[in-house]
Protein backbone atom coordinates (compact mmCIF):
# COMPACT_ATOMS: atom_id res chain seq x y z
CA MET A 1 51.75 55.27 74.57
CA LYS A 2 49.89 52.19 74.71
CA GLN A 3 46.59 53.65 73.72
CA VAL A 4 48.04 55.01 70.57
CA ILE A 5 49.29 51.60 69.68
CA LYS A 6 46.20 49.95 70.31
CA ILE A 7 44.46 52.68 67.82
CA VAL A 8 47.14 51.91 65.43
CA LEU A 9 46.53 48.33 65.46
CA VAL A 10 42.74 48.33 65.29
CA LEU A 11 43.21 50.63 62.18
CA PHE A 12 45.50 48.36 60.56
CA VAL A 13 42.99 45.47 61.00
CA LEU A 14 40.14 47.52 59.66
CA ILE A 15 41.92 48.15 57.04
CA ASN A 16 42.86 44.96 56.08
CA TRP A 17 39.49 43.64 56.64
CA SER A 18 37.99 46.30 54.25
CA CYS A 19 40.53 45.49 51.66
CA SER A 20 39.48 41.83 52.09
CA LYS A 21 36.36 42.37 51.90
CA ASP A 22 36.42 44.31 48.69
CA ASN A 23 38.15 41.08 47.29
CA ASN A 24 35.32 38.87 48.42
CA GLU A 25 37.57 37.74 51.21
CA ILE A 26 36.84 38.64 54.74
CA THR A 27 40.09 37.69 56.51
CA PRO A 28 39.54 36.31 60.17
CA THR A 29 43.02 37.78 61.78
CA GLY A 30 42.29 36.87 65.27
CA THR A 31 42.50 40.45 66.56
CA PRO A 32 39.11 42.43 66.97
CA THR A 33 38.33 45.41 65.33
CA THR A 34 36.98 46.87 68.65
CA SER A 35 38.58 46.71 72.07
CA PRO A 36 38.10 43.40 73.64
CA THR A 37 37.80 44.79 76.96
CA THR A 38 35.01 46.81 75.94
CA PRO A 39 31.40 45.30 76.08
CA ILE A 40 28.76 45.49 73.58
CA ALA A 41 26.20 48.05 74.34
CA GLY A 42 22.28 48.01 74.01
CA SER A 43 19.31 46.43 75.93
CA ASP A 44 19.68 44.48 79.01
CA ASP A 45 17.41 41.45 78.08
CA TRP A 46 20.27 38.96 78.04
CA LEU A 47 20.27 35.48 79.86
CA ILE A 48 24.02 35.92 80.31
CA PRO A 49 26.08 39.07 81.75
CA GLN A 50 25.86 41.49 78.75
CA ASN A 51 29.14 42.87 80.01
CA GLU A 52 30.63 39.78 78.75
CA VAL A 53 29.54 39.51 75.37
CA ARG A 54 32.01 41.01 73.13
CA ASP A 55 31.94 42.35 69.65
CA GLY A 56 34.28 40.28 67.76
CA GLY A 57 34.80 42.64 64.79
CA PRO A 58 33.54 41.48 61.35
CA GLY A 59 29.99 41.86 62.20
CA LYS A 60 26.62 40.12 61.53
CA ASP A 61 27.49 37.48 58.66
CA GLY A 62 30.97 38.90 58.17
CA ILE A 63 31.81 35.80 58.67
CA PRO A 64 29.40 34.04 55.98
CA SER A 65 28.02 30.58 57.17
CA ILE A 66 27.91 27.97 54.21
CA GLU A 67 24.49 27.00 52.98
CA ASN A 68 23.79 23.62 51.27
CA PRO A 69 27.74 22.37 50.94
CA ASN A 70 28.84 20.36 48.21
CA PHE A 71 30.94 16.93 48.84
CA SER A 72 33.43 15.05 47.34
CA SER A 73 34.46 11.54 47.77
CA ILE A 74 37.95 11.29 49.38
CA GLU A 75 39.93 10.43 46.55
CA GLN A 76 38.94 13.78 44.98
CA ILE A 77 39.87 15.75 48.24
CA ASP A 78 43.45 17.45 47.65
CA PHE A 79 43.43 20.49 49.73
CA LEU A 80 43.77 18.58 53.28
CA GLU A 81 47.02 17.45 55.06
CA GLU A 82 46.94 13.94 56.70
CA GLN A 83 46.78 15.57 60.28
CA ASP A 84 43.83 18.13 59.56
CA ILE A 85 40.66 17.53 61.59
CA VAL A 86 37.38 16.67 60.25
CA ILE A 87 34.27 16.69 61.87
CA ILE A 88 32.13 13.59 61.03
CA VAL A 89 28.40 13.10 61.01
CA GLU A 90 26.92 9.57 60.51
CA THR A 91 23.72 9.76 58.42
CA GLY A 92 22.10 6.27 57.95
CA GLU A 93 24.63 4.12 56.11
CA ASP A 94 26.54 7.47 55.09
CA ILE A 95 29.28 9.29 56.64
CA LYS A 96 29.64 13.20 56.14
CA ALA A 97 32.97 15.07 56.99
CA TYR A 98 33.37 18.52 57.42
CA PRO A 99 36.97 19.90 57.50
CA HIS A 100 38.49 22.43 60.11
CA PRO A 101 40.18 24.23 57.20
CA ILE A 102 37.12 25.11 56.11
CA LEU A 103 34.88 25.77 58.96
CA ASP A 104 37.90 27.96 60.40
CA TRP A 105 36.72 30.37 57.74
CA HIS A 106 32.69 30.00 58.07
CA GLU A 107 32.14 28.47 61.50
CA ILE A 108 28.79 27.37 60.47
CA VAL A 109 27.48 25.06 58.05
CA ASN A 110 23.45 24.75 57.38
CA ASP A 111 23.35 20.83 55.78
CA ASP A 112 20.32 19.05 55.24
CA ILE A 113 20.78 15.46 56.42
CA ILE A 114 19.00 12.50 54.40
CA GLU A 115 19.34 9.29 56.24
CA MET A 116 19.02 6.02 53.83
CA VAL A 117 18.72 2.43 54.99
CA ASN A 118 18.89 -0.29 52.58
CA GLY A 119 17.97 2.30 50.04
CA GLU A 120 14.58 3.80 51.82
CA LEU A 121 14.66 6.94 53.38
CA VAL A 122 14.36 6.39 57.15
CA ALA A 123 14.91 10.27 58.43
CA ASN A 124 15.31 13.62 56.90
CA SER A 125 16.77 16.39 59.17
CA SER A 126 18.62 19.80 59.44
CA LEU A 127 22.02 20.10 60.48
CA SER A 128 23.76 22.99 61.73
CA LEU A 129 27.43 22.28 62.40
CA THR A 130 28.61 25.10 64.58
CA TYR A 131 32.12 25.52 65.19
CA CYS A 132 34.30 27.92 66.84
CA PRO A 133 37.81 28.59 65.90
CA LEU A 134 38.67 30.73 69.06
CA THR A 135 37.42 27.72 71.64
CA GLY A 136 38.00 24.68 69.24
CA THR A 137 34.37 23.56 69.81
CA ALA A 138 32.48 21.74 67.18
CA ILE A 139 28.74 21.19 67.89
CA GLY A 140 25.98 19.78 65.59
CA TRP A 141 22.54 21.55 66.17
CA ASP A 142 19.03 20.69 65.08
CA SER A 143 18.18 23.65 62.83
CA ASN A 144 14.41 22.44 63.85
CA VAL A 145 13.94 24.73 66.79
CA ALA A 146 10.46 25.40 68.37
CA GLY A 147 8.89 23.47 65.50
CA THR A 148 10.25 26.01 62.96
CA LYS A 149 12.82 24.92 60.47
CA THR A 150 15.51 27.64 60.51
CA SER A 151 19.38 27.87 59.79
CA PHE A 152 21.76 29.68 61.74
CA GLY A 153 24.33 32.60 60.87
CA VAL A 154 27.54 33.99 62.73
CA SER A 155 26.44 37.08 64.57
CA GLY A 156 30.05 38.31 65.05
CA LEU A 157 29.41 38.43 69.03
CA LEU A 158 31.14 36.10 71.24
CA TYR A 159 30.58 35.17 75.08
CA ASN A 160 33.67 34.04 77.10
CA SER A 161 35.48 34.03 73.56
CA ASN A 162 32.92 31.44 72.32
CA LEU A 163 30.75 31.84 69.09
CA MET A 164 27.25 33.33 69.33
CA PRO A 165 25.09 32.22 66.44
CA TYR A 166 21.46 33.74 65.65
CA ASP A 167 18.77 32.13 64.18
CA ARG A 168 17.39 33.37 61.05
CA ALA A 169 13.41 32.78 61.67
CA THR A 170 13.49 34.85 65.01
CA ASP A 171 16.70 36.59 64.98
CA SER A 172 17.41 35.34 68.41
CA TYR A 173 20.80 35.05 69.93
CA TRP A 174 22.45 31.82 71.06
CA SER A 175 25.70 30.93 73.05
CA GLN A 176 27.34 27.86 71.41
CA MET A 177 28.97 26.42 74.79
CA GLU A 178 25.80 27.25 76.72
CA HIS A 179 23.90 25.24 74.48
CA LYS A 180 20.58 27.64 74.36
CA CYS A 181 19.31 31.22 73.20
CA VAL A 182 20.35 33.96 75.40
CA LYS A 183 18.69 36.79 73.86
CA GLY A 184 15.71 37.31 71.86
CA GLU A 185 11.99 35.88 71.30
CA LEU A 186 13.62 32.07 71.96
CA ALA A 187 15.38 33.15 75.21
CA GLY A 188 15.91 30.12 77.35
CA THR A 189 15.42 27.53 74.63
CA GLU A 190 17.66 24.72 74.55
CA ILE A 191 19.10 23.33 71.62
CA ASN A 192 19.23 19.85 70.19
CA THR A 193 22.26 18.33 69.13
CA PHE A 194 23.69 15.63 66.84
CA HIS A 195 26.36 13.48 67.71
CA VAL A 196 29.53 14.56 65.80
CA LEU A 197 33.22 13.32 65.97
CA GLU A 198 36.74 14.71 65.44
CA MET A 199 39.38 13.13 63.94
CA SER A 200 42.33 13.23 61.72
CA PHE A 201 41.93 13.16 58.12
CA SER A 202 44.35 10.12 57.57
CA THR A 203 42.05 8.52 60.18
CA LEU A 204 39.14 9.30 58.01
CA LYS A 205 40.37 7.67 55.08
CA GLU A 206 41.36 4.39 57.14
CA THR A 207 38.11 4.38 59.13
CA TYR A 208 35.34 5.55 56.64
CA PRO A 209 37.23 5.34 53.09
CA ASP A 210 33.84 5.88 51.36
CA ALA A 211 32.87 8.93 53.29
CA GLN A 212 31.84 12.67 51.37
CA VAL A 213 33.91 15.32 52.23
CA MET A 214 32.78 18.71 51.98
CA ASN A 215 34.67 20.35 49.86
CA THR A 216 35.96 23.81 48.57
CA SER A 217 33.47 24.65 46.19
CA THR A 218 31.55 27.16 49.06
CA GLY A 219 30.72 30.04 46.58
CA PHE A 220 33.34 31.99 48.59
CA ASN A 221 36.99 33.08 47.82
CA ARG A 222 39.02 31.70 50.51
CA ASP A 223 42.47 30.07 50.77
CA TYR A 224 41.43 27.12 52.73
CA GLN A 225 44.95 25.94 53.01
CA ARG A 226 45.79 28.67 55.30
CA TYR A 227 44.87 29.06 58.87
CA PRO A 228 43.83 32.34 59.37
CA TYR A 229 44.82 32.76 62.84
CA GLY A 230 48.65 32.85 62.97
CA ASP A 231 50.00 30.88 65.72
CA TYR A 232 46.75 30.72 67.72
CA ARG A 233 46.37 27.05 68.16
CA THR A 234 49.31 26.44 69.85
CA ASN A 235 50.04 29.74 71.68
CA ASN A 236 49.07 29.13 75.28
CA ASN A 237 49.14 32.77 75.97
CA SER A 238 47.06 33.81 73.13
CA ILE A 239 43.57 34.02 74.49
CA ILE A 240 42.53 37.23 72.35
CA PHE A 241 39.10 38.14 74.39
CA PRO A 242 38.52 38.18 78.11
CA VAL A 243 37.22 35.24 79.81
CA SER A 244 35.51 35.03 83.10
CA ASN A 245 37.59 32.07 84.69
CA THR A 246 40.84 30.51 84.24
CA ASP A 247 42.24 27.19 85.16
CA SER A 248 46.09 26.36 84.92
CA ARG A 249 45.67 22.78 85.52
CA VAL A 250 45.88 21.98 81.85
CA ALA A 251 47.83 24.30 79.18
CA SER A 252 45.00 26.47 77.85
CA LYS A 253 45.08 25.30 74.16
CA GLU A 254 45.22 21.59 74.97
CA ARG A 255 42.00 19.94 73.03
CA VAL A 256 39.98 17.90 75.80
CA LEU A 257 36.80 16.26 75.51
CA GLY A 258 34.31 17.43 77.83
CA VAL A 259 31.01 15.49 78.39
CA VAL A 260 28.12 17.03 79.90
CA VAL A 261 25.84 15.52 82.27
CA ASP A 262 22.85 17.23 83.99
CA GLU A 263 25.18 20.69 83.37
CA GLU A 264 27.87 19.04 84.94
CA VAL A 265 31.11 18.50 83.11
CA ILE A 266 34.06 16.11 83.23
CA THR A 267 36.67 16.42 80.51
CA TYR A 268 39.07 13.53 79.29
CA ARG A 269 42.64 14.31 78.03
CA PHE A 270 44.37 12.45 75.04
CA PRO A 271 47.53 11.35 77.24
CA SER A 272 45.08 9.38 78.96
CA PHE A 273 44.70 7.45 75.75
CA SER A 274 48.56 6.44 74.76
CA ARG A 275 49.18 3.35 75.85
CA GLN A 276 47.50 1.37 72.95
CA THR A 277 46.19 2.58 69.38
CA ILE A 278 42.75 2.27 70.55
CA ASN A 279 41.98 2.82 74.26
CA VAL A 280 38.44 2.39 76.72
CA ALA A 281 37.66 4.88 79.53
CA GLN A 282 34.66 3.41 81.84
CA ASN A 283 33.71 5.60 85.03
CA ARG A 284 30.88 6.81 86.68
CA PHE A 285 30.20 10.66 86.88
CA ASN A 286 27.10 12.75 88.32
CA GLY A 287 25.23 9.59 88.79
CA ARG A 288 25.94 7.95 85.23
CA ASN A 289 27.93 5.50 83.80
CA LEU A 290 30.01 6.63 81.06
CA VAL A 291 32.21 4.94 78.46
CA VAL A 292 34.76 6.84 76.06
CA PHE A 293 36.69 5.50 73.23
CA GLY A 294 39.49 7.17 72.09
CA SER A 295 43.07 7.12 70.75
CA GLN A 296 45.94 9.63 70.83
CA SER A 297 47.61 8.58 67.35
CA LYS A 298 44.13 8.92 65.62
CA ASN A 299 43.28 11.83 67.44
CA PHE A 300 39.56 11.30 68.28
CA MET A 301 37.77 10.90 71.61
CA THR A 302 33.84 10.12 71.96
CA ALA A 303 31.57 9.29 74.68
CA TYR A 304 28.51 7.33 75.44
CA GLU A 305 26.26 6.58 78.29
CA ASN A 306 26.92 2.58 79.23
CA ILE A 307 23.68 1.87 80.39
CA LEU A 308 21.11 -0.17 77.98
CA PRO A 309 17.47 0.54 77.89
CA ASP A 310 17.14 -2.98 79.70
CA GLY A 311 19.42 -1.93 82.78
CA THR A 312 22.49 -3.71 81.42
CA VAL A 313 25.68 -2.23 82.12
CA LEU A 314 28.51 -3.44 79.99
CA SER A 315 32.24 -3.87 80.50
CA PHE A 316 34.60 -2.89 77.11
CA GLU A 317 37.97 -3.77 76.49
CA ALA A 318 39.52 -2.04 73.38
CA VAL A 319 39.70 -3.77 69.91
CA GLN A 320 43.05 -2.94 67.99
CA ASP A 321 43.37 -2.40 64.04
CA ALA A 322 39.65 -2.84 63.43
CA LEU A 323 38.23 0.91 62.77
CA PRO A 324 35.35 1.57 62.46
CA ILE A 325 35.10 -1.34 65.41
CA VAL A 326 36.80 0.01 68.83
CA ALA A 327 35.66 -2.28 71.47
CA GLN A 328 34.13 -5.52 72.70
CA ASP A 329 31.89 -6.14 75.58
CA ASN A 330 31.75 -8.75 78.18
CA GLU A 331 28.57 -10.26 76.06
CA GLY A 332 30.88 -10.83 72.84
CA ASN A 333 29.38 -7.54 71.21
CA GLN A 334 31.54 -5.52 68.76
CA TRP A 335 30.82 -1.87 68.74
CA ASP A 336 31.97 0.87 66.38
CA ILE A 337 32.93 4.35 67.13
CA PHE A 338 29.71 5.88 66.84
CA GLY A 339 28.35 3.35 69.93
CA LYS A 340 26.79 0.91 67.41
CA ALA A 341 26.86 -3.04 68.00
CA VAL A 342 28.19 -4.18 64.65
CA ALA A 343 28.56 -7.91 65.84
CA GLY A 344 27.38 -10.09 68.56
CA PRO A 345 23.98 -10.69 70.00
CA ARG A 346 23.08 -6.77 70.32
CA THR A 347 23.81 -6.33 66.75
CA GLY A 348 21.95 -3.13 65.65
CA GLU A 349 21.48 -1.85 69.31
CA THR A 350 23.14 1.62 70.20
CA LEU A 351 24.55 3.08 73.27
CA PRO A 352 22.33 6.05 74.48
CA GLU A 353 24.15 9.46 73.67
CA VAL A 354 25.18 12.20 76.15
CA LEU A 355 26.51 15.33 74.83
CA ASN A 356 30.14 15.68 74.53
CA TYR A 357 32.61 17.37 71.99
CA ILE A 358 36.19 18.76 72.28
CA GLY A 359 37.32 22.08 72.81
CA TYR A 360 40.39 23.82 73.90
CA TRP A 361 40.81 23.49 77.78
CA PHE A 362 40.45 26.85 78.50
CA SER A 363 37.09 27.22 77.06
CA TRP A 364 35.51 24.23 79.00
CA ALA A 365 37.47 25.47 82.29
CA THR A 366 35.58 29.15 81.93
CA PHE A 367 32.14 28.03 81.35
CA ASN A 368 32.56 25.39 84.10
CA GLU A 369 34.68 26.47 87.11
CA GLY A 370 36.36 23.61 88.76
CA LEU A 371 35.24 21.29 86.44
CA GLU A 372 36.43 17.37 87.01
CA ILE A 373 39.46 16.17 85.08
CA TYR A 374 39.16 12.17 84.61
CA GLU A 375 42.10 10.39 85.97
CA GLU A 376 42.57 6.41 85.70
């Protein structure tokens, strides 16, 4: 009887997907079109356990990436709610924001990043913003890989419920949360990343009112005001695809910040940043000095390595009501949310970057068994 129910459910999803496709709208339903317990078939030249790689359903490019997105000023954006989350990237003197409600439908955005300072071009790079709705993870990838500029697409495959992009230059397959290529010509190649931040749309408006926001002119027919995965974000019991490890210390869908230091991970929770509007955490992990700026009410956390090129380790305290400034140090410097000194004797200096991004607790736990949780 259970098998009959499963077959009926799969047929229903396939029909729904097919009809949506005919209308130029491929609807991610949150339900796999093949049994989530069935691993993919094929060659065995994977750097991850092949029997843990799953077919997510829509197929390769069935969830289409966005190429060369269009942007509008904040005043022109009318599809976002105040609490909606956006992913922001600093490009010289400008801020670009990529909304979750668009990325829920597309998962990857390939964008050229031009950095201007005082009207002069200082850098021209390519960003592939990879976002997995199932694990809640957004990571900025450098699209220049192994000396070649490429772009990334959605393979339709998942590993530990996490997005697996493929690169269009070599058709190699990558694991987003392993941060590397796991099958194909580039197998073993690690990805270079951009520092990205997440915050609520209301915080973006307060912090960077001149930001440019990716708009809904994507070339696809999608209802970007509708979340396509039902109650998935809030249902702690809904993890659709099998994962290799679970950890009950934190609710599975709680959004936490993970900081990766030499392949070891420590996580930070929003409740740790509830005493003031802006909070600062400073600790030592895996031989590194870390500083985390965070706010539960503003819905952001971000981390840096707290040791400057001259060997100085600073002591920070939070600055309130002055976004994008979030902290002041013992030398009198003021630092913004992107880890840049904007006032004081070190003006213009930046804190060293460390790989960090927000994701659902279960995703960090399944990729990093026994990981540490920061506690004051």
